Amino acid sequence: MAIRQFLYFFSILVYNLWILINLIRRIYGLSHIILMDFLIAMGNRKWKTIMNSNG
């Protein structure tokens, strides 16, 4: 039962983070940047290239 509750609350947390990220993207006008491209670029430390090429 404890594992089920943990997974339930974890899924709620992940869902709320997803909504928050999408809201922030819309507020700052970055909705044209795909999130996965952004995360890959952050991992490669090339976020300035994405920001300059898409907006």
N, C-alpha and C. Protein backbone atom coordinates (compact mmCIF):
# COMPACT_ATOMS: atom_id res chain seq x y z
N MET A 1 0.82 -1.19 0.00
CA MET A 1 0.00 0.00 0.00
C MET A 1 0.87 1.26 0.00
N ALA A 2 1.98 1.21 0.71
CA ALA A 2 2.86 2.38 0.79
C ALA A 2 3.48 2.69 -0.57
N ILE A 3 3.84 1.65 -1.29
CA ILE A 3 4.42 1.86 -2.63
C ILE A 3 3.39 2.48 -3.56
N ARG A 4 2.16 2.04 -3.48
CA ARG A 4 1.10 2.59 -4.31
C ARG A 4 0.88 4.07 -4.00
N GLN A 5 0.87 4.42 -2.72
CA GLN A 5 0.70 5.83 -2.35
C GLN A 5 1.88 6.68 -2.81
N PHE A 6 3.09 6.14 -2.67
CA PHE A 6 4.26 6.87 -3.13
C PHE A 6 4.19 7.12 -4.62
N LEU A 7 3.86 6.11 -5.40
CA LEU A 7 3.77 6.28 -6.84
C LEU A 7 2.66 7.25 -7.22
N TYR A 8 1.56 7.23 -6.50
CA TYR A 8 0.46 8.16 -6.76
C TYR A 8 0.90 9.59 -6.52
N PHE A 9 1.51 9.86 -5.37
CA PHE A 9 1.95 11.22 -5.07
C PHE A 9 3.09 11.66 -5.98
N PHE A 10 3.96 10.74 -6.35
CA PHE A 10 5.03 11.05 -7.28
C PHE A 10 4.47 11.43 -8.64
N SER A 11 3.45 10.73 -9.10
CA SER A 11 2.85 11.05 -10.39
C SER A 11 2.17 12.42 -10.35
N ILE A 12 1.56 12.75 -9.22
CA ILE A 12 0.95 14.09 -9.07
C ILE A 12 2.04 15.16 -9.13
N LEU A 13 3.16 14.92 -8.48
CA LEU A 13 4.27 15.87 -8.49
C LEU A 13 4.81 16.07 -9.90
N VAL A 14 5.03 14.98 -10.62
CA VAL A 14 5.55 15.08 -11.99
C VAL A 14 4.56 15.80 -12.89
N TYR A 15 3.29 15.51 -12.75
CA TYR A 15 2.27 16.18 -13.56
C TYR A 15 2.25 17.69 -13.29
N ASN A 16 2.32 18.08 -12.02
CA ASN A 16 2.32 19.50 -11.68
C ASN A 16 3.57 20.20 -12.18
N LEU A 17 4.71 19.53 -12.16
CA LEU A 17 5.93 20.11 -12.71
C LEU A 17 5.79 20.30 -14.22
N TRP A 18 5.17 19.34 -14.90
CA TRP A 18 4.96 19.44 -16.33
C TRP A 18 4.07 20.65 -16.66
N ILE A 19 3.00 20.84 -15.90
CA ILE A 19 2.11 21.98 -16.11
C ILE A 19 2.86 23.29 -15.84
N LEU A 20 3.67 23.33 -14.80
CA LEU A 20 4.43 24.53 -14.46
C LEU A 20 5.42 24.88 -15.56
N ILE A 21 6.12 23.88 -16.10
CA ILE A 21 7.08 24.13 -17.17
C ILE A 21 6.37 24.67 -18.40
N ASN A 22 5.24 24.09 -18.76
CA ASN A 22 4.49 24.57 -19.91
C ASN A 22 3.99 26.00 -19.69
N LEU A 23 3.56 26.32 -18.49
CA LEU A 23 3.10 27.68 -18.18
C LEU A 23 4.24 28.68 -18.31
N ILE A 24 5.40 28.34 -17.80
CA ILE A 24 6.56 29.22 -17.88
C ILE A 24 6.96 29.42 -19.34
N ARG A 25 6.91 28.35 -20.13
CA ARG A 25 7.25 28.47 -21.56
C ARG A 25 6.29 29.42 -22.27
N ARG A 26 5.01 29.36 -21.94
CA ARG A 26 4.03 30.25 -22.58
C ARG A 26 4.21 31.70 -22.13
N ILE A 27 4.52 31.91 -20.85
CA ILE A 27 4.69 33.27 -20.33
C ILE A 27 5.88 33.95 -20.99
N TYR A 28 6.99 33.24 -21.14
CA TYR A 28 8.19 33.83 -21.71
C TYR A 28 8.24 33.72 -23.23
N GLY A 29 7.19 33.19 -23.85
CA GLY A 29 7.14 33.12 -25.31
C GLY A 29 8.06 32.09 -25.91
N LEU A 30 8.35 31.05 -25.18
CA LEU A 30 9.25 30.01 -25.66
C LEU A 30 8.50 28.77 -26.10
N SER A 31 7.24 28.91 -26.45
CA SER A 31 6.45 27.74 -26.80
C SER A 31 6.89 27.12 -28.12
N HIS A 32 7.66 27.86 -28.93
CA HIS A 32 8.14 27.30 -30.18
C HIS A 32 9.35 26.39 -29.97
N ILE A 33 9.96 26.45 -28.80
CA ILE A 33 11.10 25.58 -28.49
C ILE A 33 10.56 24.30 -27.88
N ILE A 34 10.92 23.17 -28.47
CA ILE A 34 10.49 21.88 -27.94
C ILE A 34 11.29 21.59 -26.68
N LEU A 35 10.62 21.12 -25.67
CA LEU A 35 11.26 20.92 -24.37
C LEU A 35 12.43 19.94 -24.46
N MET A 36 12.28 18.88 -25.23
CA MET A 36 13.36 17.90 -25.32
C MET A 36 14.61 18.53 -25.96
N ASP A 37 14.42 19.38 -26.97
CA ASP A 37 15.56 20.07 -27.57
C ASP A 37 16.26 20.95 -26.54
N PHE A 38 15.47 21.62 -25.72
CA PHE A 38 16.03 22.47 -24.69
C PHE A 38 16.83 21.66 -23.67
N LEU A 39 16.28 20.53 -23.24
CA LEU A 39 16.98 19.71 -22.24
C LEU A 39 18.26 19.12 -22.81
N ILE A 40 18.23 18.70 -24.06
CA ILE A 40 19.44 18.17 -24.69
C ILE A 40 20.49 19.27 -24.81
N ALA A 41 20.06 20.45 -25.20
CA ALA A 41 21.00 21.57 -25.33
C ALA A 41 21.58 21.96 -23.97
N MET A 42 20.76 21.93 -22.94
CA MET A 42 21.27 22.25 -21.61
C MET A 42 22.31 21.23 -21.18
N GLY A 43 22.08 19.97 -21.54
CA GLY A 43 23.05 18.92 -21.22
C GLY A 43 24.35 19.12 -21.97
N ASN A 44 24.27 19.65 -23.18
CA ASN A 44 25.46 19.90 -23.99
C ASN A 44 26.01 21.30 -23.81
N ARG A 45 25.36 22.10 -22.96
CA ARG A 45 25.74 23.50 -22.69
C ARG A 45 25.73 24.34 -23.95
N LYS A 46 24.71 24.11 -24.80
CA LYS A 46 24.56 24.88 -26.03
C LYS A 46 23.23 25.61 -26.05
N TRP A 47 22.74 26.07 -24.92
CA TRP A 47 21.42 26.70 -24.87
C TRP A 47 21.40 28.04 -25.60
N LYS A 48 22.53 28.72 -25.69
CA LYS A 48 22.55 30.01 -26.40
C LYS A 48 22.30 29.80 -27.89
N THR A 49 22.75 28.69 -28.44
CA THR A 49 22.52 28.40 -29.85
C THR A 49 21.04 28.22 -30.13
N ILE A 50 20.34 27.52 -29.27
CA ILE A 50 18.90 27.32 -29.47
C ILE A 50 18.16 28.63 -29.30
N MET A 51 18.50 29.42 -28.31
CA MET A 51 17.82 30.67 -28.08
C MET A 51 18.02 31.63 -29.26
N ASN A 52 19.19 31.65 -29.84
CA ASN A 52 19.47 32.55 -30.94
C ASN A 52 18.85 32.07 -32.25
N SER A 53 18.77 30.78 -32.47
CA SER A 53 18.26 30.28 -33.73
C SER A 53 16.74 30.25 -33.77
N ASN A 54 16.06 30.18 -32.61
CA ASN A 54 14.62 30.09 -32.59
C ASN A 54 13.94 31.39 -32.17
N GLY A 55 14.63 32.38 -31.86
CA GLY A 55 13.94 33.59 -31.44
C GLY A 55 14.89 34.65 -31.15
